[in-house]
Amino acid sequence: MKKVFLLLAPGFELLEATAPIDVLERCGIIVEKVAVDGKDLFVPSSHNVYLKADSHLDSDNVERIVKEGDMIILPGGFPGYRNLAESRLVGSVLKEFEKRGKLIAAICGAPSALAAFSIMTGKKATCHTSVRDIVSKTYTLSSEKTETDGLLVTGRGAGVALEFAFACARELAEEEVIAEVKRKMEIR
């Protein structure tokens, strides 16, 4: 069974975290929510809604995440994406995912965290307009709502969170499974 790790840093965007969790789990993919700051499993979103993580990101957990994960997802949100970019452990996990040829996904401001660690440089990526200047130094900017370039999946922001979730699902699930999930969700 496929497994995704979703990193929750304080100040994450709720839609950008919950849409992938919902869609991927409907597709039969395990999603483990990982608290980045290591203080508490309850992580506050940018609008002070708390989501409970399943584990903490710490030096003991990095290798397990890299070994078990088929994809890692970074939601944006402010100051969530900055907290991701400032975490040495986030950088370690991302570098190992890239080195081992695993899928990496980021939405909204989170592609700037990827840029901070020089992950998948030169790929096509989309992001929130507030970080376009930062992201354009590392990636070829796309004007699409979501962009997939090889092992990199990116999304513009909260307004396209569901589309981003399905872009992630397309990399991990069979098309028939995705079609059935969309049918049941009344997505035509």
Protein backbone atom coordinates (compact mmCIF):
# COMPACT_ATOMS: atom_id res chain seq x y z
CA MET A 1 0.00 0.00 0.00
CA LYS A 2 1.27 3.49 -0.91
CA LYS A 3 2.14 5.91 1.88
CA VAL A 4 2.36 9.70 1.98
CA PHE A 5 3.84 11.89 4.69
CA LEU A 6 2.27 15.34 5.04
CA LEU A 7 4.33 17.89 6.98
CA LEU A 8 2.41 20.17 9.33
CA ALA A 9 4.29 23.28 10.42
CA PRO A 10 2.60 25.83 12.67
CA GLY A 11 0.68 28.24 10.43
CA PHE A 12 -0.14 25.73 7.67
CA GLU A 13 -3.13 26.37 5.37
CA LEU A 14 -5.95 24.07 6.45
CA LEU A 15 -7.43 23.43 2.98
CA GLU A 16 -4.01 22.65 1.53
CA ALA A 17 -3.45 19.99 4.19
CA THR A 18 -6.92 18.46 4.48
CA ALA A 19 -7.78 18.21 0.77
CA PRO A 20 -4.81 15.90 0.02
CA ILE A 21 -5.46 13.90 3.20
CA ASP A 22 -9.10 13.37 2.22
CA VAL A 23 -8.55 12.58 -1.47
CA LEU A 24 -5.54 10.33 -0.96
CA GLU A 25 -7.19 8.33 1.81
CA ARG A 26 -10.32 7.90 -0.36
CA CYS A 27 -7.94 6.47 -2.98
CA GLY A 28 -6.67 3.90 -0.48
CA ILE A 29 -3.38 5.67 0.23
CA ILE A 30 -2.11 5.95 3.80
CA VAL A 31 -1.42 9.54 4.88
CA GLU A 32 0.65 10.15 7.99
CA LYS A 33 0.53 13.70 9.34
CA VAL A 34 3.87 14.80 10.78
CA ALA A 35 4.26 17.72 13.22
CA VAL A 36 7.34 19.68 12.21
CA ASP A 37 8.05 21.69 15.35
CA GLY A 38 8.22 18.65 17.64
CA LYS A 39 6.51 20.29 20.61
CA ASP A 40 2.98 19.00 20.29
CA LEU A 41 0.95 16.71 18.04
CA PHE A 42 -1.75 19.39 17.82
CA VAL A 43 -0.55 21.84 15.17
CA PRO A 44 -2.26 25.23 14.65
CA SER A 45 -3.23 26.27 11.13
CA SER A 46 -2.85 29.82 9.86
CA HIS A 47 -6.42 30.44 11.07
CA ASN A 48 -5.84 28.79 14.46
CA VAL A 49 -7.68 25.56 13.67
CA TYR A 50 -5.72 22.65 15.12
CA LEU A 51 -5.01 19.41 13.30
CA LYS A 52 -3.65 16.43 15.19
CA ALA A 53 -0.49 14.94 13.72
CA ASP A 54 0.30 11.24 13.91
CA SER A 55 4.00 11.69 14.64
CA HIS A 56 6.76 14.26 15.17
CA LEU A 57 9.55 15.13 12.77
CA ASP A 58 12.71 14.44 14.73
CA SER A 59 16.12 13.03 13.90
CA ASP A 60 14.97 9.53 14.90
CA ASN A 61 12.00 9.69 12.51
CA VAL A 62 13.72 11.00 9.36
CA GLU A 63 14.98 7.63 8.09
CA ARG A 64 11.60 5.95 8.68
CA ILE A 65 9.81 8.68 6.75
CA VAL A 66 12.24 8.40 3.85
CA LYS A 67 12.11 4.59 3.86
CA GLU A 68 8.31 4.24 4.11
CA GLY A 69 7.20 7.24 2.08
CA ASP A 70 6.21 7.22 -1.57
CA MET A 71 5.48 10.96 -1.48
CA ILE A 72 5.97 13.88 0.85
CA ILE A 73 3.55 16.83 0.81
CA LEU A 74 4.19 20.35 2.05
CA PRO A 75 1.10 22.53 2.52
CA GLY A 76 1.60 26.28 2.36
CA GLY A 77 -0.02 28.88 4.55
CA PHE A 78 1.59 31.72 6.43
CA PRO A 79 3.77 31.41 8.41
CA GLY A 80 3.66 27.65 7.78
CA TYR A 81 5.76 27.69 4.63
CA ARG A 82 8.40 29.84 6.35
CA ASN A 83 8.50 27.42 9.27
CA LEU A 84 9.09 24.58 6.80
CA ALA A 85 11.92 26.51 5.13
CA GLU A 86 13.59 27.15 8.49
CA SER A 87 13.61 23.52 9.61
CA ARG A 88 16.88 21.66 9.17
CA LEU A 89 15.01 18.35 9.51
CA VAL A 90 12.58 19.30 6.72
CA GLY A 91 15.60 19.95 4.53
CA SER A 92 17.11 16.57 5.45
CA VAL A 93 13.92 14.68 4.58
CA LEU A 94 13.46 16.55 1.29
CA LYS A 95 17.06 15.96 0.21
CA GLU A 96 16.73 12.24 0.93
CA PHE A 97 13.43 12.03 -0.98
CA GLU A 98 15.05 13.73 -3.97
CA LYS A 99 18.20 11.57 -3.74
CA ARG A 100 16.12 8.38 -3.68
CA GLY A 101 13.86 9.45 -6.58
CA LYS A 102 10.66 9.86 -4.56
CA LEU A 103 7.71 12.16 -5.17
CA ILE A 104 7.69 15.63 -3.60
CA ALA A 105 4.61 17.89 -3.60
CA ALA A 106 4.18 21.48 -2.40
CA ILE A 107 1.38 24.02 -2.67
CA CYS A 108 0.96 27.78 -2.21
CA GLY A 109 4.02 29.23 -0.46
CA ALA A 110 5.59 25.82 0.20
CA PRO A 111 7.49 25.68 -3.13
CA SER A 112 9.61 28.47 -1.61
CA ALA A 113 10.60 25.99 1.14
CA LEU A 114 11.69 23.56 -1.58
CA ALA A 115 13.71 26.39 -3.13
CA ALA A 116 15.34 27.13 0.24
CA PHE A 117 16.81 23.62 0.18
CA SER A 118 17.54 23.57 -3.60
CA ILE A 119 15.19 20.64 -4.18
CA MET A 120 14.58 19.60 -7.83
CA THR A 121 16.05 22.80 -9.22
CA GLY A 122 15.14 23.76 -12.76
CA LYS A 123 11.77 21.95 -12.77
CA LYS A 124 8.50 23.60 -13.77
CA ALA A 125 6.52 24.73 -10.72
CA THR A 126 3.56 26.86 -9.79
CA CYS A 127 3.03 28.70 -6.51
CA HIS A 128 1.20 31.50 -4.73
CA THR A 129 1.84 34.94 -6.22
CA SER A 130 3.38 36.12 -2.93
CA VAL A 131 6.41 33.82 -3.39
CA ARG A 132 6.80 33.93 -7.18
CA ASP A 133 9.98 36.00 -6.95
CA ILE A 134 11.60 33.48 -4.59
CA VAL A 135 10.42 30.42 -6.53
CA SER A 136 11.43 31.85 -9.93
CA LYS A 137 15.09 31.82 -8.86
CA THR A 138 15.04 28.02 -8.57
CA TYR A 139 12.24 26.83 -10.88
CA THR A 140 10.67 27.62 -14.23
CA LEU A 141 7.39 29.27 -13.27
CA SER A 142 4.16 27.84 -14.60
CA SER A 143 0.86 29.73 -14.72
CA GLU A 144 -1.13 26.50 -14.32
CA LYS A 145 -3.27 25.81 -11.24
CA THR A 146 -1.23 22.65 -10.64
CA GLU A 147 1.98 21.55 -12.29
CA THR A 148 3.62 18.14 -12.41
CA ASP A 149 7.18 17.93 -13.71
CA GLY A 150 8.69 14.52 -13.20
CA LEU A 151 8.66 13.78 -9.48
CA LEU A 152 7.62 17.32 -8.49
CA VAL A 153 3.94 18.24 -8.01
CA THR A 154 3.05 21.86 -7.18
CA GLY A 155 -0.14 23.85 -6.73
CA ARG A 156 -0.98 27.55 -6.73
CA GLY A 157 -2.89 27.93 -3.46
CA ALA A 158 -5.88 27.16 -1.26
CA GLY A 159 -8.36 27.81 -4.07
CA VAL A 160 -6.98 24.86 -6.02
CA ALA A 161 -6.38 22.54 -3.04
CA LEU A 162 -8.75 19.86 -4.38
CA GLU A 163 -7.12 19.95 -7.84
CA PHE A 164 -3.71 19.73 -6.16
CA ALA A 165 -4.93 16.73 -4.15
CA PHE A 166 -5.99 14.93 -7.32
CA ALA A 167 -2.68 15.83 -9.01
CA CYS A 168 -0.95 14.08 -6.10
CA ALA A 169 -3.35 11.13 -6.35
CA ARG A 170 -2.61 10.71 -10.08
CA GLU A 171 1.00 9.96 -9.18
CA LEU A 172 0.06 7.19 -6.73
CA ALA A 173 -3.31 5.65 -7.62
CA GLU A 174 -4.84 3.91 -10.61
CA GLU A 175 -6.99 6.08 -12.88
CA GLU A 176 -10.04 3.85 -12.26
CA VAL A 177 -9.72 4.42 -8.51
CA ILE A 178 -9.44 8.17 -8.98
CA ALA A 179 -12.45 8.19 -11.33
CA GLU A 180 -14.53 6.32 -8.74
CA VAL A 181 -13.48 8.73 -5.98
CA LYS A 182 -14.45 11.68 -8.18
CA ARG A 183 -17.80 10.07 -9.00
CA LYS A 184 -18.59 9.54 -5.33
CA MET A 185 -17.56 13.13 -4.56
CA GLU A 186 -19.87 14.41 -7.35
CA ILE A 187 -16.94 15.80 -9.33
CA ARG A 188 -17.78 15.77 -13.00
